[in-house]
Protein backbone atom coordinates (compact mmCIF):
# COMPACT_ATOMS: atom_id res chain seq x y z
CA MET A 1 -28.20 132.95 -170.34
CA MET A 2 -27.28 136.50 -171.31
CA ILE A 3 -30.06 137.99 -173.46
CA ARG A 4 -29.12 141.13 -175.33
CA SER A 5 -31.74 143.61 -176.54
CA VAL A 6 -30.63 145.42 -179.67
CA SER A 7 -32.25 148.63 -180.91
CA THR A 8 -33.25 148.57 -184.56
CA GLN A 9 -35.21 150.41 -187.20
CA PRO A 10 -37.94 148.92 -189.42
CA TYR A 11 -37.37 148.08 -193.08
CA ASP A 12 -40.26 148.85 -195.39
CA ASP A 13 -39.85 145.85 -197.71
CA GLN A 14 -40.34 142.79 -195.50
CA LYS A 15 -43.75 141.72 -196.75
CA PRO A 16 -43.77 137.92 -197.21
CA GLY A 17 -44.72 136.72 -200.68
CA THR A 18 -46.20 133.42 -201.83
CA SER A 19 -43.41 131.49 -200.06
CA GLY A 20 -42.02 133.80 -197.42
CA LEU A 21 -39.59 136.70 -197.67
CA ARG A 22 -37.22 136.54 -200.65
CA LYS A 23 -34.51 139.01 -201.55
CA LYS A 24 -30.97 139.04 -202.87
CA VAL A 25 -28.28 137.92 -200.40
CA PRO A 26 -26.73 141.42 -200.06
CA HIS A 27 -30.18 142.69 -199.12
CA PHE A 28 -30.42 140.16 -196.29
CA GLN A 29 -26.89 141.08 -195.22
CA GLN A 30 -27.95 144.63 -194.34
CA ALA A 31 -27.62 145.48 -190.67
CA ASN A 32 -30.37 143.78 -188.64
CA TYR A 33 -32.36 142.79 -191.74
CA VAL A 34 -32.48 139.08 -190.84
CA GLU A 35 -32.89 139.82 -187.14
CA ASN A 36 -35.82 142.18 -187.75
CA PHE A 37 -37.74 139.61 -189.75
CA VAL A 38 -37.05 136.70 -187.39
CA GLN A 39 -38.03 138.80 -184.35
CA SER A 40 -41.20 139.82 -186.18
CA ILE A 41 -42.03 136.14 -186.66
CA PHE A 42 -41.56 135.42 -182.96
CA ASP A 43 -43.48 138.54 -181.91
CA SER A 44 -46.43 137.36 -184.03
CA LEU A 45 -46.66 133.96 -182.31
CA GLU A 46 -48.10 132.93 -178.95
CA GLY A 47 -47.68 129.90 -176.72
CA PHE A 48 -44.31 128.64 -177.94
CA GLU A 49 -42.40 128.99 -174.66
CA GLY A 50 -40.51 125.80 -173.91
CA LYS A 51 -41.57 124.18 -177.20
CA ALA A 52 -39.56 123.05 -180.21
CA LEU A 53 -38.71 124.95 -183.38
CA VAL A 54 -37.43 123.20 -186.52
CA VAL A 55 -34.78 125.07 -188.49
CA GLY A 56 -33.11 124.14 -191.76
CA GLY A 57 -32.55 125.19 -195.32
CA ASP A 58 -31.52 124.18 -198.80
CA GLY A 59 -27.82 124.84 -198.25
CA ARG A 60 -27.65 127.93 -200.44
CA TYR A 61 -25.20 130.74 -199.74
CA PHE A 62 -25.81 132.45 -196.35
CA ASN A 63 -27.72 129.42 -194.99
CA ARG A 64 -25.35 128.54 -192.16
CA GLU A 65 -24.92 132.13 -190.98
CA VAL A 66 -28.66 132.74 -190.72
CA ILE A 67 -29.26 129.44 -188.91
CA GLN A 68 -26.86 130.55 -186.16
CA ILE A 69 -28.79 133.83 -185.83
CA VAL A 70 -32.17 132.06 -185.74
CA MET A 71 -31.04 129.60 -183.07
CA LYS A 72 -29.68 132.32 -180.80
CA MET A 73 -32.81 134.41 -181.22
CA ALA A 74 -35.00 131.35 -180.55
CA ALA A 75 -33.16 130.82 -177.28
CA ALA A 76 -33.71 134.46 -176.34
CA ALA A 77 -37.39 134.22 -177.26
CA GLY A 78 -37.98 131.26 -174.93
CA PHE A 79 -38.11 128.21 -177.18
CA GLY A 80 -37.07 125.08 -175.31
CA LYS A 81 -35.53 123.28 -178.25
CA VAL A 82 -34.36 123.77 -181.80
CA ILE A 83 -34.19 120.80 -184.17
CA VAL A 84 -31.80 121.53 -187.02
CA GLY A 85 -30.65 119.43 -189.96
CA GLN A 86 -27.01 118.36 -190.01
CA GLY A 87 -24.95 120.94 -191.88
CA GLY A 88 -27.97 123.23 -191.75
CA ILE A 89 -29.64 121.08 -194.42
CA LEU A 90 -33.32 120.16 -194.56
CA SER A 91 -35.30 119.94 -197.76
CA THR A 92 -38.59 121.81 -197.50
CA PRO A 93 -40.71 118.61 -197.47
CA ALA A 94 -38.30 116.97 -195.02
CA ALA A 95 -38.61 120.01 -192.72
CA SER A 96 -42.40 119.69 -192.89
CA ASN A 97 -42.08 116.03 -191.94
CA VAL A 98 -39.80 116.80 -188.97
CA ILE A 99 -42.24 119.44 -187.71
CA ARG A 100 -45.12 116.96 -187.89
CA GLN A 101 -43.28 113.93 -186.48
CA SER A 102 -41.64 115.81 -183.62
CA GLY A 103 -44.74 117.76 -182.62
CA ALA A 104 -42.78 120.98 -182.96
CA PHE A 105 -44.51 124.33 -182.53
CA GLY A 106 -43.40 125.34 -186.01
CA GLY A 107 -40.38 125.81 -188.20
CA ILE A 108 -38.25 128.36 -190.01
CA ILE A 109 -37.15 127.25 -193.47
CA LEU A 110 -34.33 129.10 -195.19
CA SER A 111 -34.77 128.81 -198.93
CA ALA A 112 -35.58 130.65 -202.11
CA SER A 113 -36.76 127.37 -203.64
CA HIS A 114 -36.00 127.23 -207.36
CA ASN A 115 -34.24 130.63 -207.50
CA PRO A 116 -30.46 130.89 -208.10
CA GLY A 117 -28.03 130.86 -205.18
CA GLY A 118 -24.71 132.56 -204.49
CA PRO A 119 -23.22 135.69 -202.91
CA LYS A 120 -25.21 138.00 -205.20
CA GLU A 121 -28.20 135.74 -205.77
CA ASP A 122 -31.34 134.85 -203.84
CA PHE A 123 -32.13 133.93 -200.24
CA GLY A 124 -35.38 133.42 -198.40
CA ILE A 125 -36.96 132.92 -194.99
CA LYS A 126 -40.41 131.52 -194.33
CA TYR A 127 -42.32 130.36 -191.29
CA ASN A 128 -44.21 127.06 -191.20
CA THR A 129 -46.86 126.35 -188.58
CA GLY A 130 -47.32 123.26 -186.41
CA ASN A 131 -49.11 121.32 -189.16
CA GLY A 132 -45.89 121.49 -191.18
CA GLY A 133 -47.28 123.84 -193.80
CA PRO A 134 -46.52 127.44 -194.80
CA ALA A 135 -48.04 130.05 -192.55
CA PRO A 136 -51.51 131.14 -193.73
CA GLU A 137 -52.16 134.67 -194.90
CA LYS A 138 -53.49 135.73 -191.48
CA VAL A 139 -50.14 134.87 -189.88
CA THR A 140 -47.97 136.39 -192.62
CA ALA A 141 -50.06 139.56 -192.42
CA GLU A 142 -49.32 139.78 -188.70
CA ILE A 143 -45.61 139.22 -189.34
CA TYR A 144 -45.57 141.97 -191.94
CA ALA A 145 -47.40 144.38 -189.66
CA ARG A 146 -44.83 143.74 -186.96
CA THR A 147 -41.91 144.40 -189.34
CA LYS A 148 -43.24 147.91 -189.86
CA SER A 149 -43.12 148.83 -186.18
CA ILE A 150 -40.26 146.77 -184.73
CA SER A 151 -37.86 148.73 -182.52
CA GLU A 152 -35.68 146.00 -181.00
CA TYR A 153 -34.77 142.35 -181.27
CA LYS A 154 -33.46 139.91 -178.68
CA ILE A 155 -30.55 137.51 -179.06
CA ILE A 156 -28.26 135.61 -176.71
CA ASP A 157 -24.50 136.08 -176.62
CA ALA A 158 -23.05 132.66 -177.36
CA PRO A 159 -20.50 131.08 -179.69
CA ASP A 160 -21.73 129.42 -182.88
CA LEU A 161 -22.57 125.72 -182.69
CA ASP A 162 -21.01 123.03 -184.88
CA LEU A 163 -23.84 122.17 -187.26
CA ASP A 164 -21.96 119.20 -188.71
CA ALA A 165 -21.92 117.17 -185.47
CA LEU A 166 -24.98 115.03 -184.77
CA GLY A 167 -26.41 115.05 -181.25
CA ASP A 168 -27.86 117.31 -178.58
CA PHE A 169 -26.11 120.49 -177.53
CA ASP A 170 -26.79 123.33 -175.10
CA LEU A 171 -27.25 126.85 -176.41
CA GLY A 172 -27.89 129.28 -173.57
CA GLY A 173 -30.08 126.78 -171.75
CA MET A 174 -31.97 125.76 -174.88
CA THR A 175 -31.39 122.30 -176.38
CA VAL A 176 -30.23 122.12 -179.99
CA SER A 177 -30.70 118.72 -181.63
CA VAL A 178 -28.66 118.29 -184.80
CA VAL A 179 -30.37 115.48 -186.72
CA ASP A 180 -29.73 113.41 -189.84
CA PRO A 181 -31.65 115.38 -192.49
CA VAL A 182 -32.35 112.32 -194.65
CA ALA A 183 -33.22 109.35 -192.42
CA ALA A 184 -36.74 110.26 -191.24
CA TYR A 185 -37.78 111.37 -194.72
CA ALA A 186 -36.48 108.18 -196.34
CA GLU A 187 -38.41 106.09 -193.82
CA LEU A 188 -41.57 108.04 -194.58
CA MET A 189 -41.17 107.35 -198.29
CA GLU A 190 -40.62 103.66 -197.59
CA SER A 191 -43.93 103.58 -195.70
CA LEU A 192 -45.83 105.04 -198.67
CA PHE A 193 -44.41 103.20 -201.66
CA ASP A 194 -43.77 99.61 -202.72
CA PHE A 195 -40.00 99.66 -202.37
CA PRO A 196 -39.61 95.90 -203.07
CA ALA A 197 -41.46 96.24 -206.41
CA ILE A 198 -39.43 99.31 -207.42
CA LYS A 199 -36.20 97.58 -206.39
CA ALA A 200 -37.15 94.54 -208.46
CA MET A 201 -37.71 96.85 -211.44
CA PHE A 202 -34.23 98.31 -211.05
CA ASP A 203 -32.74 94.85 -210.52
CA GLY A 204 -34.40 93.83 -213.77
CA GLY A 205 -32.47 96.40 -215.78
CA PHE A 206 -34.66 99.52 -215.48
CA THR A 207 -32.54 102.64 -215.91
CA MET A 208 -33.02 106.20 -214.70
CA SER A 209 -31.33 109.58 -214.59
CA PHE A 210 -32.10 111.94 -211.71
CA ASP A 211 -30.67 115.48 -211.83
CA ALA A 212 -30.37 116.87 -208.31
CA MET A 213 -29.07 120.15 -209.80
CA HIS A 214 -26.41 120.46 -207.04
CA ALA A 215 -29.32 121.25 -204.74
CA VAL A 216 -30.76 119.83 -201.57
CA THR A 217 -32.28 116.58 -202.90
CA GLY A 218 -28.89 115.11 -203.82
CA PRO A 219 -28.39 113.30 -200.48
CA TYR A 220 -32.05 112.27 -200.32
CA ALA A 221 -32.10 110.87 -203.86
CA THR A 222 -28.79 109.08 -203.41
CA GLU A 223 -29.93 107.39 -200.21
CA ILE A 224 -33.35 106.38 -201.53
CA LEU A 225 -32.74 105.67 -205.22
CA GLU A 226 -29.24 104.20 -205.13
CA ASN A 227 -28.83 102.85 -201.60
CA ARG A 228 -32.34 101.61 -200.77
CA LEU A 229 -33.87 100.91 -204.19
CA GLY A 230 -30.77 99.61 -205.92
CA ALA A 231 -30.56 102.03 -208.82
CA ALA A 232 -27.15 101.99 -210.45
CA LYS A 233 -24.45 104.18 -208.93
CA GLY A 234 -24.41 107.42 -210.86
CA THR A 235 -28.17 107.44 -211.35
CA VAL A 236 -28.18 110.64 -209.29
CA LYS A 237 -26.38 113.39 -211.21
CA ASN A 238 -25.14 116.65 -209.65
CA GLY A 239 -25.86 115.13 -206.25
CA THR A 240 -23.63 117.30 -204.04
CA PRO A 241 -25.46 120.38 -202.68
CA LEU A 242 -23.48 123.54 -203.37
CA PRO A 243 -24.08 127.08 -202.02
CA ASP A 244 -24.37 128.41 -205.58
CA PHE A 245 -25.92 125.24 -207.10
CA GLY A 246 -22.81 124.89 -209.24
CA GLY A 247 -23.52 128.23 -210.89
CA HIS A 248 -26.71 126.86 -212.42
CA HIS A 249 -30.36 127.79 -212.03
CA PRO A 250 -31.96 125.09 -209.80
CA ASP A 251 -35.39 125.21 -211.46
CA PRO A 252 -36.38 121.82 -212.92
CA ASN A 253 -37.87 122.99 -216.20
CA LEU A 254 -37.01 122.37 -219.83
CA VAL A 255 -34.75 125.44 -219.98
CA HIS A 256 -32.64 124.86 -216.89
CA ALA A 257 -32.66 121.05 -217.10
CA LYS A 258 -32.09 120.99 -220.86
CA GLU A 259 -29.25 118.46 -220.60
CA LEU A 260 -31.62 115.96 -218.98
CA TYR A 261 -34.31 116.70 -221.56
CA ASP A 262 -31.89 116.21 -224.46
CA LEU A 263 -30.78 112.90 -222.95
CA MET A 264 -34.36 111.68 -222.57
CA MET A 265 -35.16 112.56 -226.18
CA SER A 266 -32.06 110.78 -227.51
CA ALA A 267 -31.63 107.24 -228.83
CA ASP A 268 -29.57 106.42 -225.71
CA ALA A 269 -32.20 107.61 -223.24
CA PRO A 270 -32.66 105.70 -219.99
CA ASP A 271 -36.15 104.46 -219.17
CA PHE A 272 -37.03 107.39 -216.95
CA GLY A 273 -35.74 110.87 -216.15
CA ALA A 274 -36.50 113.24 -213.29
CA ALA A 275 -35.15 116.28 -211.47
CA SER A 276 -35.88 118.37 -208.42
CA ASP A 277 -35.18 121.97 -207.45
CA GLY A 278 -33.24 124.04 -204.94
CA ASP A 279 -35.15 123.05 -201.81
CA GLY A 280 -36.62 119.77 -203.04
CA ASP A 281 -40.27 120.73 -203.36
CA ARG A 282 -40.57 120.71 -207.17
CA ASN A 283 -40.20 117.98 -209.74
CA LEU A 284 -39.57 117.42 -213.43
CA ILE A 285 -40.82 114.20 -215.01
CA ILE A 286 -39.55 113.04 -218.41
CA GLY A 287 -40.19 109.58 -219.80
CA LYS A 288 -38.19 108.16 -222.67
CA GLY A 289 -39.29 110.35 -225.55
CA ILE A 290 -41.91 112.36 -223.65
CA PHE A 291 -41.97 115.35 -221.30
CA VAL A 292 -44.85 115.07 -218.85
CA THR A 293 -46.24 118.50 -218.01
CA PRO A 294 -46.75 119.14 -214.29
CA SER A 295 -50.50 119.50 -214.89
CA ASP A 296 -50.65 116.12 -216.64
CA SER A 297 -48.40 114.58 -214.00
CA LEU A 298 -50.81 115.64 -211.25
CA ALA A 299 -53.72 114.02 -213.11
CA LEU A 300 -51.76 110.84 -213.83
CA LEU A 301 -50.53 110.50 -210.25
CA ALA A 302 -54.06 110.95 -208.92
CA ALA A 303 -55.50 108.43 -211.38
CA ASN A 304 -52.88 105.81 -210.47
CA ALA A 305 -52.20 106.56 -206.80
CA HIS A 306 -54.08 103.43 -205.71
CA LEU A 307 -51.16 101.37 -207.05
CA ALA A 308 -48.99 102.61 -204.14
CA PRO A 309 -49.54 101.03 -200.69
CA GLY A 310 -49.94 104.40 -198.97
CA TYR A 311 -52.92 105.31 -201.17
CA LYS A 312 -54.69 101.97 -201.62
CA GLY A 313 -57.64 103.28 -199.65
CA GLY A 314 -58.36 105.88 -202.31
CA LEU A 315 -58.30 109.66 -202.37
CA SER A 316 -60.61 111.97 -200.45
CA GLY A 317 -60.23 114.69 -203.07
CA ILE A 318 -57.85 116.39 -205.49
CA ALA A 319 -56.79 120.04 -205.30
CA ARG A 320 -55.00 122.14 -207.89
CA SER A 321 -53.96 125.74 -208.14
CA MET A 322 -56.11 127.89 -210.43
CA PRO A 323 -53.45 128.27 -213.18
CA THR A 324 -52.96 124.49 -213.30
CA SER A 325 -54.78 122.75 -216.16
CA GLY A 326 -58.14 121.10 -215.64
CA ALA A 327 -56.76 117.61 -216.35
CA ALA A 328 -57.02 116.57 -212.70
CA ASP A 329 -60.66 117.69 -212.53
CA ARG A 330 -61.72 114.97 -214.93
CA VAL A 331 -59.86 112.36 -212.88
CA ALA A 332 -61.71 113.52 -209.77
CA GLU A 333 -65.00 113.34 -211.64
CA LYS A 334 -64.38 109.74 -212.71
CA LEU A 335 -63.28 108.74 -209.21
CA GLY A 336 -66.40 110.36 -207.76
CA ILE A 337 -64.47 112.69 -205.48
CA GLU A 338 -64.29 116.45 -205.07
CA SER A 339 -61.88 118.66 -206.96
CA TYR A 340 -60.77 122.02 -205.57
CA GLU A 341 -59.34 125.05 -207.34
CA THR A 342 -57.19 127.27 -205.12
CA PRO A 343 -54.92 130.29 -205.57
CA THR A 344 -51.25 129.69 -206.27
CA GLY A 345 -49.29 128.94 -203.09
CA TRP A 346 -49.08 125.68 -201.17
CA LYS A 347 -50.45 127.30 -198.03
CA PHE A 348 -53.92 127.23 -199.60
CA PHE A 349 -53.83 123.41 -199.72
CA GLY A 350 -53.12 123.10 -195.99
CA ASN A 351 -56.72 123.51 -194.81
CA LEU A 352 -57.98 121.01 -197.39
CA LEU A 353 -55.37 118.44 -196.36
CA ASP A 354 -55.94 118.96 -192.63
CA ALA A 355 -59.70 118.59 -193.09
CA ASP A 356 -59.22 115.46 -195.23
CA LYS A 357 -60.99 117.09 -198.14
CA ALA A 358 -58.02 116.43 -200.43
CA THR A 359 -55.31 113.78 -200.51
CA ILE A 360 -53.23 114.85 -203.53
CA CYS A 361 -52.51 118.44 -204.56
CA GLY A 362 -50.55 120.04 -207.34
CA GLU A 363 -49.45 123.20 -209.10
CA GLU A 364 -48.50 123.74 -212.71
CA SER A 365 -45.15 125.12 -211.56
CA ALA A 366 -43.91 121.56 -210.95
CA GLY A 367 -45.10 121.19 -207.37
CA THR A 368 -46.99 118.04 -206.42
CA GLY A 369 -47.64 116.45 -203.05
CA SER A 370 -50.04 114.67 -200.76
CA ASN A 371 -51.23 114.53 -197.18
CA HIS A 372 -47.97 112.87 -196.02
CA VAL A 373 -46.57 116.37 -195.33
CA ARG A 374 -47.86 119.91 -195.79
CA GLU A 375 -45.49 121.00 -198.53
CA LYS A 376 -45.11 120.05 -202.14
CA ASP A 377 -42.57 117.27 -202.48
CA GLY A 378 -40.42 116.68 -205.55
CA LEU A 379 -38.91 113.34 -204.61
CA TRP A 380 -42.29 112.02 -203.45
CA ALA A 381 -43.68 112.66 -206.95
CA VAL A 382 -40.72 110.85 -208.54
CA LEU A 383 -41.18 107.85 -206.25
CA LEU A 384 -44.91 107.66 -206.95
CA TRP A 385 -44.10 107.65 -210.66
CA LEU A 386 -41.61 104.81 -210.10
CA ASN A 387 -44.25 102.90 -208.12
CA ILE A 388 -46.71 103.31 -211.00
CA LEU A 389 -44.12 102.20 -213.56
CA ALA A 390 -43.28 99.13 -211.46
CA ALA A 391 -46.94 98.21 -211.04
CA ARG A 392 -48.08 98.80 -214.61
CA LYS A 393 -44.92 97.50 -216.28
CA GLU A 394 -45.36 99.98 -219.13
CA PRO A 395 -43.14 102.83 -220.32
CA ALA A 396 -44.10 106.31 -219.16
CA LYS A 397 -44.90 107.33 -222.74
CA ASP A 398 -47.48 104.56 -223.09
CA ILE A 399 -49.05 105.39 -219.72
CA VAL A 400 -49.44 109.04 -220.72
CA ALA A 401 -50.90 108.14 -224.13
CA ALA A 402 -53.44 105.81 -222.52
CA HIS A 403 -54.42 108.55 -220.08
CA TRP A 404 -55.03 111.02 -222.92
CA ARG A 405 -57.20 108.49 -224.76
CA GLU A 406 -59.31 108.00 -221.65
CA TYR A 407 -59.55 111.56 -220.35
CA GLY A 408 -58.58 113.78 -223.29
CA ARG A 409 -55.46 115.92 -223.51
CA ASN A 410 -55.11 119.38 -222.03
CA TYR A 411 -52.67 121.18 -224.30
CA TYR A 412 -51.03 123.53 -221.87
CA THR A 413 -48.14 125.97 -221.75
CA ARG A 414 -46.82 128.76 -219.53
CA HIS A 415 -45.04 131.82 -220.93
CA ASP A 416 -42.86 133.68 -218.43
CA TYR A 417 -41.67 137.24 -218.91
CA GLU A 418 -39.00 137.66 -216.21
CA GLY A 419 -37.47 140.76 -214.66
CA ILE A 420 -39.78 143.19 -216.42
CA ASP A 421 -40.40 146.68 -215.13
CA ALA A 422 -42.68 146.42 -212.10
CA ASP A 423 -44.76 149.45 -213.05
CA ALA A 424 -45.24 148.10 -216.57
CA ALA A 425 -46.34 144.76 -215.15
CA GLU A 426 -48.82 146.35 -212.76
CA GLY A 427 -50.11 148.53 -215.59
CA LEU A 428 -50.72 145.48 -217.77
CA MET A 429 -52.68 143.75 -215.00
CA ALA A 430 -54.68 146.92 -214.32
CA HIS A 431 -55.53 147.13 -218.03
CA LEU A 432 -56.78 143.53 -218.02
CA ARG A 433 -58.89 144.03 -214.92
CA ALA A 434 -60.46 147.14 -216.45
CA GLU A 435 -61.50 145.09 -219.51
CA LEU A 436 -63.06 142.14 -217.66
CA SER A 437 -66.68 143.28 -217.52
CA SER A 438 -66.80 144.01 -221.24
CA LEU A 439 -65.14 140.81 -222.50
CA PRO A 440 -67.93 138.16 -222.32
CA GLY A 441 -69.62 137.81 -225.72
CA THR A 442 -66.72 139.38 -227.63
CA LYS A 443 -64.25 137.72 -229.98
CA ILE A 444 -60.45 137.77 -229.51
CA ASN A 445 -58.32 136.39 -232.33
CA GLY A 446 -61.29 134.37 -233.57
CA LEU A 447 -62.18 132.95 -230.13
CA PHE A 448 -65.48 133.82 -228.41
CA VAL A 449 -65.17 134.83 -224.75
CA SER A 450 -67.64 133.06 -222.48
CA MET A 451 -66.43 134.33 -219.10
CA ALA A 452 -63.77 136.64 -217.65
CA ASP A 453 -62.94 137.38 -214.02
CA ASP A 454 -60.27 138.09 -211.42
CA PHE A 455 -60.16 134.82 -209.49
CA SER A 456 -61.33 134.86 -205.88
CA TYR A 457 -61.07 131.86 -203.57
CA HIS A 458 -63.53 131.07 -200.80
CA ASP A 459 -61.87 128.57 -198.48
CA PRO A 460 -64.39 125.77 -197.80
CA VAL A 461 -62.80 125.01 -194.42
CA ASP A 462 -62.33 128.34 -192.64
CA GLY A 463 -64.47 130.61 -194.85
CA SER A 464 -61.62 133.02 -195.62
CA VAL A 465 -61.62 134.87 -198.94
CA SER A 466 -58.56 135.56 -201.10
CA GLU A 467 -59.17 138.02 -203.92
CA ASN A 468 -57.25 139.24 -206.99
CA GLN A 469 -55.54 135.89 -207.54
CA GLY A 470 -55.21 136.09 -211.32
CA VAL A 471 -57.13 137.23 -214.38
CA ARG A 472 -58.96 134.41 -216.18
CA VAL A 473 -60.45 134.54 -219.66
CA MET A 474 -62.51 131.52 -220.75
CA PHE A 475 -63.56 130.80 -224.33
CA GLU A 476 -66.62 129.00 -225.64
CA ASP A 477 -64.55 126.11 -227.03
CA GLY A 478 -63.18 125.37 -223.54
CA SER A 479 -59.86 127.10 -224.08
CA ARG A 480 -58.65 129.60 -221.52
CA MET A 481 -55.85 131.97 -220.64
CA VAL A 482 -54.72 133.20 -217.25
CA PHE A 483 -52.54 136.20 -216.38
CA ARG A 484 -50.84 136.73 -213.02
CA LEU A 485 -47.72 138.22 -211.50
CA SER A 486 -45.44 135.75 -209.75
CA GLY A 487 -44.81 136.11 -206.02
CA THR A 488 -41.49 134.22 -206.01
CA GLY A 489 -39.09 136.57 -207.78
CA THR A 490 -36.64 139.00 -206.18
CA ALA A 491 -35.96 141.51 -208.98
CA GLY A 492 -38.46 143.43 -211.09
CA ALA A 493 -41.64 141.54 -211.87
CA THR A 494 -42.40 138.22 -213.54
CA LEU A 495 -45.52 138.01 -215.68
CA ARG A 496 -46.86 134.50 -216.11
CA VAL A 497 -49.32 133.74 -218.91
CA TYR A 498 -51.01 130.33 -218.83
CA LEU A 499 -52.67 128.98 -221.97
CA GLU A 500 -54.82 125.88 -222.28
CA ARG A 501 -57.06 123.87 -224.61
CA LEU A 502 -58.74 120.49 -224.14
CA ALA A 503 -58.63 118.03 -227.05
CA THR A 504 -60.73 114.84 -227.02
CA ASP A 505 -60.53 113.89 -230.71
CA PRO A 506 -58.28 110.77 -230.87
CA ASP A 507 -56.71 112.14 -234.04
CA LYS A 508 -55.65 115.36 -232.30
CA LEU A 509 -53.80 114.05 -229.25
CA ALA A 510 -50.26 114.20 -230.65
CA LEU A 511 -49.91 117.77 -231.86
CA GLU A 512 -47.00 120.05 -230.97
CA THR A 513 -48.13 122.09 -227.96
CA GLN A 514 -47.31 125.62 -229.15
CA SER A 515 -48.97 124.91 -232.51
CA ALA A 516 -52.06 123.46 -230.86
CA LEU A 517 -52.35 126.66 -228.80
CA ALA A 518 -51.35 129.16 -231.49
CA ASP A 519 -54.69 130.99 -231.61
CA VAL A 520 -54.91 131.14 -227.79
CA ILE A 521 -51.36 132.53 -227.65
CA GLY A 522 -52.35 135.13 -230.25
CA ALA A 523 -55.44 136.04 -228.25
CA ALA A 524 -53.32 136.65 -225.16
CA GLU A 525 -51.12 139.11 -227.04
CA ASP A 526 -54.11 140.83 -228.65
CA LEU A 527 -55.82 141.33 -225.28
CA ALA A 528 -52.87 142.19 -223.04
CA GLY A 529 -50.52 143.95 -225.45
CA ILE A 530 -47.57 142.22 -223.83
CA LYS A 531 -44.98 143.30 -226.38
CA GLN A 532 -46.02 146.94 -226.29
CA ARG A 533 -46.35 147.15 -222.50
CA THR A 534 -43.24 145.18 -221.50
CA GLY A 535 -40.95 145.74 -224.46
CA ARG A 536 -40.43 141.98 -224.74
CA ASP A 537 -40.74 140.31 -228.14
CA ALA A 538 -40.98 136.82 -226.66
CA PRO A 539 -41.18 135.02 -223.31
CA ASP A 540 -37.96 134.36 -221.41
CA VAL A 541 -39.08 130.85 -220.50
CA ILE A 542 -41.69 128.61 -222.12
CA THR A 543 -42.76 125.50 -220.22
């Protein structure tokens, strides 16, 4: 094996965000940019010689080219094996499953999740550890430190491998196993859910529309929903993964999946609607005539998980990200189990899952999952919903309404201001942090502030502390608002404002969300001065 050492210079912008390193494709195409970051990953790890590395991505533009680079650098670094999805494809949850099932040392996932794809759009690289989950902050900090001092990378000279052919191949003395990206994941899902009951529901005339958004879950959804569960052919829409996601934005929200939403609100709606995102880790749930918010979906899935065979033994705990509504907390309280509030980012759930402190986790940004892998899992959430529908034999709308009557309804919305000036965004957050100590006891837009802080998380497993995770303002009536900057964008800054109110009055469970939160929305503007500081008159996306 001929290993070539290539001199290089550091880039100053390779700090991993919430889900790895994300930039525009042309940025990654700069000389040695990919190689620098991959070498920095390998330089930050110990004990991987001779072991396996899982590699795959969501099929977006530049995916295949980077996989060839990663494999050749893995061979030069001393890995004994690379396991790669056929065609370079592995959904993020499927990659986590392969890492765990194969006992691999770790994995490199090539994705920018729900961000657009194409020659001028987004790309991403992240490292997952041997538990199948995103690298913790300690590891990403080491990777970033290495990127700032790197002077060379190592790669073997070898022709590219055919990623479309299944089987084992030699790459400079290292074995490359090209595997079916769908089979192992589908088998895992079949072990968790009552496939015969769901199939019987479909055989009985149940109808569904699943929008794969020309992203990675198309093959997974087709195999599971249509081939194994018997859903009608054509249930999976936009099922062919495309490098540019068909020119669409692969984020399963009410803006980018509006066609599905309009269908589900129409007189001709099927019984159930769902979608997933670019790399398969997010989900959108829409029943006939009702959109189920991700926060409510987490609570409903936790409350009904016992109906699925894989969760009959009950849950050890429920975890949610801090910006996610408190709906799941009340489910945990009724079940007599712990609830955990973590920063945004799935990596914070890993310790809780590994320690069996939590079984189901979720984020308001449409990510939900369980201890079956160490990533959020869009198709898993859809299948658990189908299991619940098959067991309860009720429409989704009735199940949600019954849940609200029992637990109350958390009116909840997120306002996103995308691509705003980064300095303006940082200035807004600095202004909020400067006001925190003086807010308790004051009134904002008629609401009395009971508490205000910048959220810090103390990990109950390893004792680590993560500070400055988002500004929270709580009101005496139980309402709250949260401000934070997203870590998943690639241009400018994205300000996310989360607004919430709990209603328990049976006569106030069917209000329009933005109206129910009007005074909280007004309070957010009064406190933060969003329009003045960002120049935006309204959010770009409301979910």
